[in-house]
Amino acid sequence: MKLKYFYILITLAFILISSGSKMDNEAQQTKAISDCNYTLKESLAGKDIPKEIKENLRLVDVYYYSFDNKLHKGQLVIDKDLENDIKWIFEMLKEKRFPIKRVIPVVKYHWSDDKSMKANNSSAFNYRLVANTNRFSNHSTGRAIDINPWQNPQIIDGAASPKGAVYNPKVKGTISKRSLIVRLFKERGWSWGGDWKTRADYQHFEKLK
């Protein structure tokens, strides 16, 4: 009988601790600095997007510590199949305080990938071609995301994009092979552009169907 009461007390204690952690997390998020507050319709405005793609897109609120060491709230437009991945990964990054400058849908930058990268903006969906090609980017279906592009440029034949960016793994917010963020994305089945053979795209993660 005493053993039964012991297990009941342990269960109640676990419930109280879990509830307290959830309440603390919610209170923390309420105090977060809001970097944007779009609706899905607003986040897709001004772009002619095929209906079959648009129907699969979701707007996801994410929380992260920025370079000011303060908690921020941003938003990502992502394929609906990847919503849970993104929420889990960003929650883990928030717990470990991996710094992310800002996370704002590319509509803010008038759908310019160059302007978004120069602002060091992390983003996912952007219905666009791969630069200097006639091929659509995997961002066009919301199945790719770029993180801290200024610290993590794409490098082709020694030229960095965004222009002027320098890749230095010692700088905070930079992604390298041993980074937590790489491990988290790969755990959920994503691939990292830093592993590519013909070019290095350190900011880029994608998960294709």
N, C-alpha and C. Protein backbone atom coordinates (compact mmCIF):
# COMPACT_ATOMS: atom_id res chain seq x y z
N MET A 1 0.83 -1.21 0.00
CA MET A 1 0.00 0.00 0.00
C MET A 1 0.86 1.26 0.00
N LYS A 2 1.91 1.27 0.84
CA LYS A 2 2.80 2.42 0.90
C LYS A 2 3.49 2.63 -0.43
N LEU A 3 3.86 1.52 -1.11
CA LEU A 3 4.52 1.61 -2.40
C LEU A 3 3.61 2.25 -3.43
N LYS A 4 2.31 1.93 -3.35
CA LYS A 4 1.33 2.49 -4.27
C LYS A 4 1.27 4.01 -4.11
N TYR A 5 1.23 4.50 -2.86
CA TYR A 5 1.18 5.94 -2.60
C TYR A 5 2.47 6.63 -3.06
N PHE A 6 3.56 5.90 -2.93
CA PHE A 6 4.84 6.46 -3.36
C PHE A 6 4.82 6.74 -4.86
N TYR A 7 4.32 5.76 -5.63
CA TYR A 7 4.26 5.93 -7.09
C TYR A 7 3.29 7.05 -7.47
N ILE A 8 2.21 7.18 -6.72
CA ILE A 8 1.25 8.25 -6.99
C ILE A 8 1.90 9.62 -6.78
N LEU A 9 2.67 9.74 -5.68
CA LEU A 9 3.35 11.00 -5.38
C LEU A 9 4.39 11.33 -6.45
N ILE A 10 5.12 10.32 -6.91
CA ILE A 10 6.13 10.52 -7.96
C ILE A 10 5.45 11.01 -9.24
N THR A 11 4.31 10.40 -9.59
CA THR A 11 3.58 10.79 -10.80
C THR A 11 3.09 12.22 -10.71
N LEU A 12 2.53 12.58 -9.55
CA LEU A 12 2.03 13.95 -9.35
C LEU A 12 3.17 14.96 -9.44
N ALA A 13 4.31 14.62 -8.87
CA ALA A 13 5.47 15.52 -8.91
C ALA A 13 5.93 15.73 -10.35
N PHE A 14 5.93 14.67 -11.14
CA PHE A 14 6.35 14.77 -12.54
C PHE A 14 5.39 15.67 -13.32
N ILE A 15 4.08 15.51 -13.05
CA ILE A 15 3.07 16.33 -13.73
C ILE A 15 3.25 17.81 -13.39
N LEU A 16 3.50 18.08 -12.11
CA LEU A 16 3.68 19.47 -11.67
C LEU A 16 4.93 20.10 -12.29
N ILE A 17 6.01 19.34 -12.35
CA ILE A 17 7.25 19.84 -12.94
C ILE A 17 7.05 20.11 -14.43
N SER A 18 6.40 19.19 -15.12
CA SER A 18 6.15 19.35 -16.56
C SER A 18 5.27 20.56 -16.83
N SER A 19 4.22 20.72 -16.01
CA SER A 19 3.31 21.85 -16.17
C SER A 19 4.03 23.17 -15.92
N GLY A 20 4.90 23.17 -14.89
CA GLY A 20 5.65 24.38 -14.58
C GLY A 20 6.59 24.76 -15.70
N SER A 21 7.26 23.78 -16.30
CA SER A 21 8.18 24.05 -17.41
C SER A 21 7.44 24.60 -18.61
N LYS A 22 6.25 24.06 -18.87
CA LYS A 22 5.44 24.53 -20.00
C LYS A 22 5.00 25.97 -19.77
N MET A 23 4.59 26.27 -18.52
CA MET A 23 4.15 27.64 -18.19
C MET A 23 5.30 28.62 -18.29
N ASP A 24 6.50 28.20 -17.84
CA ASP A 24 7.69 29.05 -17.93
C ASP A 24 8.02 29.34 -19.38
N ASN A 25 7.92 28.32 -20.22
CA ASN A 25 8.22 28.47 -21.64
C ASN A 25 7.24 29.42 -22.31
N GLU A 26 5.95 29.29 -21.97
CA GLU A 26 4.93 30.15 -22.55
C GLU A 26 5.12 31.60 -22.11
N ALA A 27 5.47 31.78 -20.83
CA ALA A 27 5.71 33.13 -20.32
C ALA A 27 6.92 33.76 -21.00
N GLN A 28 7.94 32.95 -21.22
CA GLN A 28 9.14 33.42 -21.90
C GLN A 28 8.82 33.86 -23.32
N GLN A 29 8.02 33.07 -24.02
CA GLN A 29 7.68 33.39 -25.40
C GLN A 29 6.81 34.64 -25.49
N THR A 30 5.98 34.88 -24.49
CA THR A 30 5.15 36.08 -24.47
C THR A 30 6.01 37.34 -24.43
N LYS A 31 7.17 37.24 -23.77
CA LYS A 31 8.07 38.38 -23.63
C LYS A 31 9.04 38.52 -24.81
N ALA A 32 8.99 37.61 -25.76
CA ALA A 32 9.92 37.63 -26.89
C ALA A 32 9.73 38.87 -27.76
N ILE A 33 10.82 39.36 -28.31
CA ILE A 33 10.77 40.48 -29.26
C ILE A 33 10.23 39.95 -30.59
N SER A 34 9.18 40.56 -31.10
CA SER A 34 8.57 40.09 -32.35
C SER A 34 9.25 40.74 -33.55
N ASP A 35 9.91 39.94 -34.37
CA ASP A 35 10.56 40.46 -35.56
C ASP A 35 9.60 40.59 -36.73
N CYS A 36 8.47 39.88 -36.67
CA CYS A 36 7.44 40.00 -37.71
C CYS A 36 6.16 39.34 -37.22
N ASN A 37 5.07 39.69 -37.84
CA ASN A 37 3.79 39.13 -37.42
C ASN A 37 2.83 39.09 -38.62
N TYR A 38 3.22 38.32 -39.64
CA TYR A 38 2.43 38.21 -40.85
C TYR A 38 1.30 37.18 -40.70
N THR A 39 0.30 37.29 -41.56
CA THR A 39 -0.62 36.18 -41.80
C THR A 39 -0.04 35.40 -42.98
N LEU A 40 -0.53 34.19 -43.21
CA LEU A 40 -0.04 33.41 -44.34
C LEU A 40 -0.28 34.16 -45.65
N LYS A 41 -1.46 34.76 -45.77
CA LYS A 41 -1.79 35.51 -47.00
C LYS A 41 -0.80 36.65 -47.21
N GLU A 42 -0.49 37.36 -46.15
CA GLU A 42 0.46 38.49 -46.25
C GLU A 42 1.86 38.00 -46.61
N SER A 43 2.24 36.84 -46.08
CA SER A 43 3.59 36.33 -46.31
C SER A 43 3.78 35.83 -47.74
N LEU A 44 2.69 35.65 -48.48
CA LEU A 44 2.76 35.16 -49.87
C LEU A 44 2.36 36.22 -50.88
N ALA A 45 2.10 37.43 -50.41
CA ALA A 45 1.59 38.50 -51.27
C ALA A 45 2.63 38.95 -52.31
N GLY A 46 2.12 39.31 -53.48
CA GLY A 46 2.98 39.89 -54.51
C GLY A 46 3.78 38.89 -55.31
N LYS A 47 3.45 37.63 -55.20
CA LYS A 47 4.18 36.59 -55.92
C LYS A 47 3.17 35.65 -56.59
N ASP A 48 3.39 35.35 -57.86
CA ASP A 48 2.52 34.43 -58.58
C ASP A 48 2.99 33.00 -58.30
N ILE A 49 2.31 32.35 -57.36
CA ILE A 49 2.72 31.03 -56.89
C ILE A 49 1.70 29.98 -57.38
N PRO A 50 2.15 28.90 -57.99
CA PRO A 50 1.22 27.86 -58.43
C PRO A 50 0.33 27.37 -57.29
N LYS A 51 -0.91 27.12 -57.60
CA LYS A 51 -1.90 26.72 -56.59
C LYS A 51 -1.47 25.47 -55.83
N GLU A 52 -0.91 24.48 -56.54
CA GLU A 52 -0.55 23.21 -55.90
C GLU A 52 0.57 23.40 -54.87
N ILE A 53 1.41 24.40 -55.07
CA ILE A 53 2.46 24.70 -54.09
C ILE A 53 1.88 25.50 -52.93
N LYS A 54 1.11 26.53 -53.26
CA LYS A 54 0.54 27.40 -52.24
C LYS A 54 -0.30 26.63 -51.23
N GLU A 55 -1.04 25.64 -51.69
CA GLU A 55 -1.90 24.86 -50.80
C GLU A 55 -1.12 24.05 -49.77
N ASN A 56 0.15 23.78 -50.06
CA ASN A 56 0.98 22.98 -49.15
C ASN A 56 1.81 23.81 -48.18
N LEU A 57 1.72 25.14 -48.27
CA LEU A 57 2.56 26.00 -47.45
C LEU A 57 1.90 26.36 -46.12
N ARG A 58 2.73 26.46 -45.09
CA ARG A 58 2.25 26.85 -43.76
C ARG A 58 3.17 27.96 -43.21
N LEU A 59 2.60 28.84 -42.42
CA LEU A 59 3.36 29.89 -41.74
C LEU A 59 3.59 29.45 -40.30
N VAL A 60 4.85 29.34 -39.91
CA VAL A 60 5.21 28.79 -38.60
C VAL A 60 5.93 29.85 -37.76
N ASP A 61 5.44 30.07 -36.53
CA ASP A 61 6.14 30.94 -35.59
C ASP A 61 7.31 30.17 -34.98
N VAL A 62 8.47 30.81 -34.94
CA VAL A 62 9.64 30.17 -34.33
C VAL A 62 10.28 31.16 -33.36
N TYR A 63 10.93 30.62 -32.35
CA TYR A 63 11.58 31.44 -31.31
C TYR A 63 13.07 31.13 -31.29
N TYR A 64 13.88 32.17 -31.11
CA TYR A 64 15.32 32.01 -31.18
C TYR A 64 16.01 33.16 -30.45
N TYR A 65 17.23 32.92 -30.03
CA TYR A 65 18.05 33.99 -29.45
C TYR A 65 18.84 34.63 -30.58
N SER A 66 18.69 35.95 -30.70
CA SER A 66 19.40 36.68 -31.74
C SER A 66 20.78 37.09 -31.25
N PHE A 67 21.46 37.90 -32.03
CA PHE A 67 22.82 38.30 -31.69
C PHE A 67 22.87 39.31 -30.55
N ASP A 68 21.71 39.80 -30.14
CA ASP A 68 21.64 40.69 -28.97
C ASP A 68 21.43 39.91 -27.68
N ASN A 69 21.46 38.56 -27.78
CA ASN A 69 21.27 37.65 -26.64
C ASN A 69 19.87 37.72 -26.05
N LYS A 70 18.92 38.25 -26.81
CA LYS A 70 17.54 38.33 -26.37
C LYS A 70 16.67 37.38 -27.20
N LEU A 71 15.57 36.91 -26.58
CA LEU A 71 14.67 35.99 -27.27
C LEU A 71 13.81 36.75 -28.27
N HIS A 72 13.74 36.24 -29.48
CA HIS A 72 12.96 36.85 -30.55
C HIS A 72 11.95 35.85 -31.09
N LYS A 73 10.90 36.41 -31.71
CA LYS A 73 9.94 35.57 -32.43
C LYS A 73 9.98 35.94 -33.90
N GLY A 74 10.14 34.94 -34.75
CA GLY A 74 10.11 35.16 -36.19
C GLY A 74 9.13 34.20 -36.83
N GLN A 75 9.11 34.18 -38.16
CA GLN A 75 8.17 33.32 -38.88
C GLN A 75 8.85 32.72 -40.11
N LEU A 76 8.48 31.48 -40.39
CA LEU A 76 8.97 30.78 -41.58
C LEU A 76 7.79 30.27 -42.39
N VAL A 77 7.88 30.40 -43.71
CA VAL A 77 6.91 29.76 -44.60
C VAL A 77 7.56 28.47 -45.07
N ILE A 78 6.90 27.35 -44.79
CA ILE A 78 7.51 26.05 -45.01
C ILE A 78 6.46 25.07 -45.53
N ASP A 79 6.89 24.02 -46.20
CA ASP A 79 5.97 22.95 -46.61
C ASP A 79 5.33 22.32 -45.37
N LYS A 80 4.06 22.02 -45.46
CA LYS A 80 3.32 21.51 -44.30
C LYS A 80 3.92 20.23 -43.73
N ASP A 81 4.55 19.40 -44.58
CA ASP A 81 5.14 18.15 -44.11
C ASP A 81 6.35 18.38 -43.20
N LEU A 82 6.91 19.58 -43.24
CA LEU A 82 8.14 19.87 -42.50
C LEU A 82 7.88 20.74 -41.27
N GLU A 83 6.64 21.06 -41.01
CA GLU A 83 6.30 21.95 -39.90
C GLU A 83 6.80 21.42 -38.57
N ASN A 84 6.57 20.15 -38.29
CA ASN A 84 7.00 19.57 -37.00
C ASN A 84 8.52 19.54 -36.88
N ASP A 85 9.20 19.26 -38.00
CA ASP A 85 10.67 19.28 -38.00
C ASP A 85 11.18 20.66 -37.56
N ILE A 86 10.64 21.69 -38.19
CA ILE A 86 11.10 23.05 -37.95
C ILE A 86 10.81 23.47 -36.50
N LYS A 87 9.65 23.16 -36.00
CA LYS A 87 9.31 23.52 -34.62
C LYS A 87 10.26 22.85 -33.65
N TRP A 88 10.55 21.57 -33.85
CA TRP A 88 11.44 20.82 -32.95
C TRP A 88 12.87 21.35 -33.03
N ILE A 89 13.37 21.57 -34.24
CA ILE A 89 14.75 22.04 -34.42
C ILE A 89 14.94 23.41 -33.79
N PHE A 90 14.00 24.32 -34.02
CA PHE A 90 14.14 25.66 -33.44
C PHE A 90 13.99 25.65 -31.93
N GLU A 91 13.19 24.75 -31.40
CA GLU A 91 13.09 24.64 -29.94
C GLU A 91 14.43 24.18 -29.35
N MET A 92 15.07 23.21 -30.01
CA MET A 92 16.37 22.74 -29.55
C MET A 92 17.43 23.84 -29.66
N LEU A 93 17.41 24.59 -30.76
CA LEU A 93 18.36 25.69 -30.95
C LEU A 93 18.14 26.78 -29.91
N LYS A 94 16.89 27.03 -29.57
CA LYS A 94 16.57 28.04 -28.55
C LYS A 94 17.11 27.61 -27.19
N GLU A 95 16.94 26.35 -26.86
CA GLU A 95 17.43 25.85 -25.56
C GLU A 95 18.94 25.99 -25.45
N LYS A 96 19.64 25.77 -26.57
CA LYS A 96 21.10 25.85 -26.57
C LYS A 96 21.60 27.26 -26.91
N ARG A 97 20.65 28.17 -27.16
CA ARG A 97 20.96 29.58 -27.47
C ARG A 97 21.87 29.72 -28.69
N PHE A 98 21.65 28.89 -29.71
CA PHE A 98 22.36 29.09 -30.97
C PHE A 98 21.86 30.39 -31.58
N PRO A 99 22.76 31.35 -31.86
CA PRO A 99 22.29 32.67 -32.30
C PRO A 99 21.83 32.70 -33.76
N ILE A 100 20.65 33.27 -33.97
CA ILE A 100 20.11 33.47 -35.32
C ILE A 100 19.71 34.94 -35.42
N LYS A 101 20.21 35.62 -36.43
CA LYS A 101 20.03 37.07 -36.51
C LYS A 101 18.56 37.46 -36.60
N ARG A 102 17.86 36.95 -37.60
CA ARG A 102 16.42 37.24 -37.76
C ARG A 102 15.80 36.18 -38.65
N VAL A 103 14.48 35.98 -38.49
CA VAL A 103 13.75 34.99 -39.30
C VAL A 103 12.46 35.65 -39.77
N ILE A 104 12.46 36.13 -41.01
CA ILE A 104 11.34 36.89 -41.55
C ILE A 104 11.03 36.39 -42.97
N PRO A 105 9.76 36.16 -43.31
CA PRO A 105 9.42 35.75 -44.68
C PRO A 105 9.99 36.73 -45.72
N VAL A 106 10.40 36.19 -46.87
CA VAL A 106 11.13 36.98 -47.87
C VAL A 106 10.25 38.06 -48.50
N VAL A 107 8.94 38.01 -48.28
CA VAL A 107 8.07 39.07 -48.80
C VAL A 107 8.53 40.43 -48.28
N LYS A 108 9.10 40.49 -47.08
CA LYS A 108 9.59 41.75 -46.52
C LYS A 108 10.66 42.37 -47.42
N TYR A 109 11.41 41.53 -48.11
CA TYR A 109 12.50 41.99 -48.96
C TYR A 109 12.10 41.98 -50.43
N HIS A 110 10.77 42.06 -50.67
CA HIS A 110 10.22 42.12 -52.03
C HIS A 110 10.67 40.92 -52.86
N TRP A 111 10.76 39.79 -52.22
CA TRP A 111 11.10 38.51 -52.82
C TRP A 111 12.52 38.48 -53.40
N SER A 112 13.38 39.38 -52.94
CA SER A 112 14.77 39.41 -53.39
C SER A 112 15.63 38.56 -52.46
N ASP A 113 16.18 37.48 -52.99
CA ASP A 113 17.06 36.64 -52.19
C ASP A 113 18.32 37.39 -51.80
N ASP A 114 18.83 38.22 -52.70
CA ASP A 114 20.03 39.00 -52.40
C ASP A 114 19.81 39.95 -51.22
N LYS A 115 18.68 40.66 -51.22
CA LYS A 115 18.39 41.60 -50.13
C LYS A 115 18.18 40.87 -48.81
N SER A 116 17.52 39.73 -48.88
CA SER A 116 17.28 38.93 -47.68
C SER A 116 18.60 38.44 -47.10
N MET A 117 19.50 37.96 -47.96
CA MET A 117 20.80 37.47 -47.48
C MET A 117 21.64 38.60 -46.90
N LYS A 118 21.64 39.75 -47.56
CA LYS A 118 22.45 40.88 -47.07
C LYS A 118 21.95 41.37 -45.71
N ALA A 119 20.67 41.16 -45.44
CA ALA A 119 20.11 41.51 -44.13
C ALA A 119 20.37 40.41 -43.10
N ASN A 120 21.10 39.38 -43.53
CA ASN A 120 21.39 38.22 -42.67
C ASN A 120 20.09 37.59 -42.16
N ASN A 121 19.14 37.49 -43.06
CA ASN A 121 17.81 36.95 -42.73
C ASN A 121 17.74 35.46 -43.04
N SER A 122 17.27 34.69 -42.09
CA SER A 122 17.05 33.26 -42.30
C SER A 122 15.63 33.07 -42.84
N SER A 123 15.50 32.28 -43.89
CA SER A 123 14.19 32.13 -44.54
C SER A 123 14.08 30.76 -45.19
N ALA A 124 12.85 30.41 -45.55
CA ALA A 124 12.60 29.12 -46.20
C ALA A 124 11.99 29.33 -47.58
N PHE A 125 10.66 29.46 -47.67
CA PHE A 125 10.01 29.54 -48.98
C PHE A 125 10.36 30.80 -49.74
N ASN A 126 10.69 30.61 -51.01
CA ASN A 126 10.85 31.72 -51.96
C ASN A 126 10.71 31.13 -53.35
N TYR A 127 9.62 31.47 -54.04
CA TYR A 127 9.37 30.90 -55.37
C TYR A 127 10.29 31.60 -56.36
N ARG A 128 11.43 30.97 -56.61
CA ARG A 128 12.47 31.58 -57.45
C ARG A 128 13.33 30.52 -58.12
N LEU A 129 14.09 30.98 -59.13
CA LEU A 129 15.05 30.13 -59.80
C LEU A 129 16.36 30.10 -59.02
N VAL A 130 17.13 29.04 -59.21
CA VAL A 130 18.49 29.02 -58.71
C VAL A 130 19.26 30.09 -59.49
N ALA A 131 20.07 30.87 -58.81
CA ALA A 131 20.81 31.96 -59.46
C ALA A 131 21.57 31.48 -60.69
N ASN A 132 21.42 32.23 -61.79
CA ASN A 132 22.13 31.98 -63.05
C ASN A 132 21.73 30.67 -63.72
N THR A 133 20.51 30.18 -63.42
CA THR A 133 20.00 28.97 -64.08
C THR A 133 18.53 29.16 -64.45
N ASN A 134 17.98 28.18 -65.16
CA ASN A 134 16.55 28.15 -65.46
C ASN A 134 15.84 27.10 -64.61
N ARG A 135 16.49 26.70 -63.53
CA ARG A 135 15.97 25.63 -62.66
C ARG A 135 15.43 26.23 -61.36
N PHE A 136 14.24 25.76 -60.97
CA PHE A 136 13.64 26.26 -59.74
C PHE A 136 14.38 25.73 -58.52
N SER A 137 14.59 26.63 -57.57
CA SER A 137 15.23 26.27 -56.30
C SER A 137 14.31 25.40 -55.47
N ASN A 138 14.89 24.61 -54.57
CA ASN A 138 14.06 23.83 -53.64
C ASN A 138 13.35 24.72 -52.63
N HIS A 139 13.78 25.98 -52.52
CA HIS A 139 13.04 26.95 -51.71
C HIS A 139 11.66 27.21 -52.32
N SER A 140 11.51 26.93 -53.61
CA SER A 140 10.26 27.23 -54.31
C SER A 140 9.10 26.36 -53.87
N THR A 141 9.39 25.27 -53.18
CA THR A 141 8.33 24.42 -52.64
C THR A 141 8.30 24.46 -51.11
N GLY A 142 9.15 25.30 -50.52
CA GLY A 142 9.18 25.40 -49.07
C GLY A 142 9.85 24.22 -48.41
N ARG A 143 10.74 23.56 -49.16
CA ARG A 143 11.42 22.39 -48.60
C ARG A 143 12.92 22.64 -48.40
N ALA A 144 13.28 23.91 -48.27
CA ALA A 144 14.66 24.29 -47.98
C ALA A 144 14.66 25.52 -47.10
N ILE A 145 15.72 25.67 -46.33
CA ILE A 145 15.85 26.81 -45.42
C ILE A 145 17.30 27.27 -45.40
N ASP A 146 17.51 28.59 -45.32
CA ASP A 146 18.84 29.17 -45.19
C ASP A 146 18.95 29.83 -43.81
N ILE A 147 20.04 29.57 -43.11
CA ILE A 147 20.27 30.09 -41.76
C ILE A 147 21.50 31.00 -41.73
N ASN A 148 21.32 32.22 -41.19
CA ASN A 148 22.42 33.17 -41.04
C ASN A 148 23.30 33.23 -42.29
N PRO A 149 22.75 33.68 -43.43
CA PRO A 149 23.52 33.66 -44.67
C PRO A 149 24.79 34.50 -44.66
N TRP A 150 24.84 35.55 -43.84
CA TRP A 150 26.04 36.38 -43.82
C TRP A 150 27.22 35.63 -43.19
N GLN A 151 26.96 34.85 -42.13
CA GLN A 151 28.02 34.04 -41.53
C GLN A 151 28.27 32.75 -42.32
N ASN A 152 27.27 32.34 -43.10
CA ASN A 152 27.32 31.04 -43.77
C ASN A 152 27.03 31.17 -45.26
N PRO A 153 27.90 31.83 -46.00
CA PRO A 153 27.65 32.08 -47.42
C PRO A 153 27.73 30.82 -48.27
N GLN A 154 27.19 30.94 -49.47
CA GLN A 154 27.44 29.94 -50.51
C GLN A 154 28.76 30.34 -51.18
N ILE A 155 29.63 29.38 -51.40
CA ILE A 155 30.92 29.68 -52.01
C ILE A 155 31.11 28.80 -53.25
N ILE A 156 31.24 29.49 -54.40
CA ILE A 156 31.45 28.80 -55.67
C ILE A 156 32.70 29.38 -56.32
N ASP A 157 33.69 28.52 -56.58
CA ASP A 157 34.95 28.96 -57.19
C ASP A 157 35.56 30.14 -56.43
N GLY A 158 35.46 30.12 -55.12
CA GLY A 158 36.06 31.14 -54.29
C GLY A 158 35.23 32.40 -54.11
N ALA A 159 34.11 32.52 -54.84
CA ALA A 159 33.25 33.70 -54.74
C ALA A 159 32.12 33.43 -53.76
N ALA A 160 31.90 34.37 -52.84
CA ALA A 160 30.89 34.19 -51.79
C ALA A 160 29.59 34.88 -52.16
N SER A 161 28.50 34.25 -51.77
CA SER A 161 27.16 34.85 -51.89
C SER A 161 26.45 34.67 -50.55
N PRO A 162 26.07 35.80 -49.89
CA PRO A 162 26.07 37.18 -50.37
C PRO A 162 27.48 37.75 -50.54
N LYS A 163 27.60 38.67 -51.49
CA LYS A 163 28.88 39.29 -51.81
C LYS A 163 29.43 40.02 -50.58
N GLY A 164 30.67 39.78 -50.29
CA GLY A 164 31.32 40.42 -49.15
C GLY A 164 31.33 39.58 -47.89
N ALA A 165 30.54 38.50 -47.88
CA ALA A 165 30.49 37.62 -46.71
C ALA A 165 31.78 36.79 -46.63
N VAL A 166 32.18 36.47 -45.41
CA VAL A 166 33.38 35.66 -45.18
C VAL A 166 33.00 34.50 -44.27
N TYR A 167 33.40 33.30 -44.66
CA TYR A 167 33.10 32.12 -43.85
C TYR A 167 34.22 31.88 -42.85
N ASN A 168 33.87 31.98 -41.57
CA ASN A 168 34.83 31.76 -40.49
C ASN A 168 34.14 30.98 -39.38
N PRO A 169 34.40 29.69 -39.27
CA PRO A 169 33.73 28.84 -38.28
C PRO A 169 33.86 29.31 -36.84
N LYS A 170 34.83 30.20 -36.55
CA LYS A 170 35.02 30.68 -35.19
C LYS A 170 34.05 31.80 -34.81
N VAL A 171 33.38 32.36 -35.81
CA VAL A 171 32.44 33.47 -35.56
C VAL A 171 31.09 32.90 -35.11
N LYS A 172 30.47 33.53 -34.11
CA LYS A 172 29.19 33.01 -33.60
C LYS A 172 28.12 33.05 -34.68
N GLY A 173 27.27 32.04 -34.66
CA GLY A 173 26.22 31.92 -35.67
C GLY A 173 26.66 31.23 -36.93
N THR A 174 27.96 30.86 -37.00
CA THR A 174 28.48 30.16 -38.17
C THR A 174 28.22 28.65 -38.02
N ILE A 175 27.96 28.02 -39.13
CA ILE A 175 27.63 26.58 -39.16
C ILE A 175 28.81 25.79 -39.73
N SER A 176 29.25 24.80 -38.99
CA SER A 176 30.32 23.92 -39.47
C SER A 176 29.87 22.47 -39.30
N LYS A 177 30.70 21.57 -39.78
CA LYS A 177 30.33 20.14 -39.80
C LYS A 177 29.98 19.61 -38.42
N ARG A 178 30.61 20.14 -37.38
CA ARG A 178 30.38 19.64 -36.02
C ARG A 178 29.34 20.45 -35.26
N SER A 179 28.70 21.39 -35.91
CA SER A 179 27.72 22.25 -35.23
C SER A 179 26.48 21.47 -34.80
N LEU A 180 25.91 21.88 -33.68
CA LEU A 180 24.67 21.29 -33.20
C LEU A 180 23.58 21.36 -34.24
N ILE A 181 23.49 22.49 -34.93
CA ILE A 181 22.40 22.69 -35.89
C ILE A 181 22.47 21.66 -37.03
N VAL A 182 23.66 21.30 -37.46
CA VAL A 182 23.82 20.29 -38.51
C VAL A 182 23.31 18.94 -38.01
N ARG A 183 23.69 18.60 -36.78
CA ARG A 183 23.24 17.32 -36.21
C ARG A 183 21.72 17.27 -36.08
N LEU A 184 21.12 18.37 -35.62
CA LEU A 184 19.67 18.40 -35.44
C LEU A 184 18.93 18.22 -36.76
N PHE A 185 19.36 18.95 -37.79
CA PHE A 185 18.69 18.81 -39.09
C PHE A 185 18.86 17.40 -39.65
N LYS A 186 20.06 16.86 -39.53
CA LYS A 186 20.30 15.52 -40.07
C LYS A 186 19.51 14.46 -39.32
N GLU A 187 19.30 14.65 -38.03
CA GLU A 187 18.49 13.71 -37.25
C GLU A 187 17.07 13.62 -37.81
N ARG A 188 16.59 14.70 -38.41
CA ARG A 188 15.23 14.72 -38.97
C ARG A 188 15.23 14.43 -40.47
N GLY A 189 16.37 14.00 -41.01
CA GLY A 189 16.42 13.56 -42.40
C GLY A 189 16.73 14.65 -43.41
N TRP A 190 17.21 15.81 -42.94
CA TRP A 190 17.58 16.89 -43.84
C TRP A 190 19.04 16.73 -44.28
N SER A 191 19.39 17.34 -45.42
CA SER A 191 20.78 17.39 -45.86
C SER A 191 21.30 18.81 -45.75
N TRP A 192 22.62 18.94 -45.66
CA TRP A 192 23.27 20.24 -45.45
C TRP A 192 24.14 20.61 -46.64
N GLY A 193 24.01 21.85 -47.10
CA GLY A 193 24.78 22.30 -48.25
C GLY A 193 26.27 22.37 -48.02
N GLY A 194 26.70 22.36 -46.76
CA GLY A 194 28.12 22.34 -46.46
C GLY A 194 28.79 21.03 -46.82
N ASP A 195 27.99 20.00 -47.08
CA ASP A 195 28.52 18.68 -47.45
C ASP A 195 28.65 18.52 -48.96
N TRP A 196 28.14 19.47 -49.74
CA TRP A 196 28.14 19.32 -51.19
C TRP A 196 29.56 19.32 -51.74
N LYS A 197 29.76 18.59 -52.83
CA LYS A 197 31.10 18.40 -53.39
C LYS A 197 31.50 19.52 -54.36
N THR A 198 30.56 19.98 -55.20
CA THR A 198 30.90 20.94 -56.24
C THR A 198 30.91 22.39 -55.75
N ARG A 199 30.21 22.65 -54.66
CA ARG A 199 30.20 23.98 -54.05
C ARG A 199 29.82 23.83 -52.59
N ALA A 200 30.08 24.84 -51.82
CA ALA A 200 29.71 24.82 -50.40
C ALA A 200 28.61 25.86 -50.17
N ASP A 201 27.50 25.41 -49.62
CA ASP A 201 26.39 26.33 -49.30
C ASP A 201 26.09 26.15 -47.81
N TYR A 202 26.88 26.82 -46.99
CA TYR A 202 26.87 26.58 -45.55
C TYR A 202 25.56 26.97 -44.87
N GLN A 203 24.82 27.88 -45.45
CA GLN A 203 23.55 28.34 -44.87
C GLN A 203 22.39 27.40 -45.14
N HIS A 204 22.54 26.50 -46.08
CA HIS A 204 21.42 25.80 -46.70
C HIS A 204 21.16 24.40 -46.13
N PHE A 205 19.90 24.15 -45.79
CA PHE A 205 19.42 22.82 -45.43
C PHE A 205 18.18 22.51 -46.27
N GLU A 206 18.01 21.25 -46.64
CA GLU A 206 16.84 20.88 -47.43
C GLU A 206 16.41 19.45 -47.12
N LYS A 207 15.12 19.22 -47.33
CA LYS A 207 14.58 17.87 -47.14
C LYS A 207 13.58 17.64 -48.27
N LEU A 208 13.98 16.84 -49.23
CA LEU A 208 13.17 16.62 -50.42
C LEU A 208 12.26 15.41 -50.23
N LYS A 209 11.23 15.34 -51.05
CA LYS A 209 10.30 14.22 -50.93
C LYS A 209 10.94 12.94 -51.46
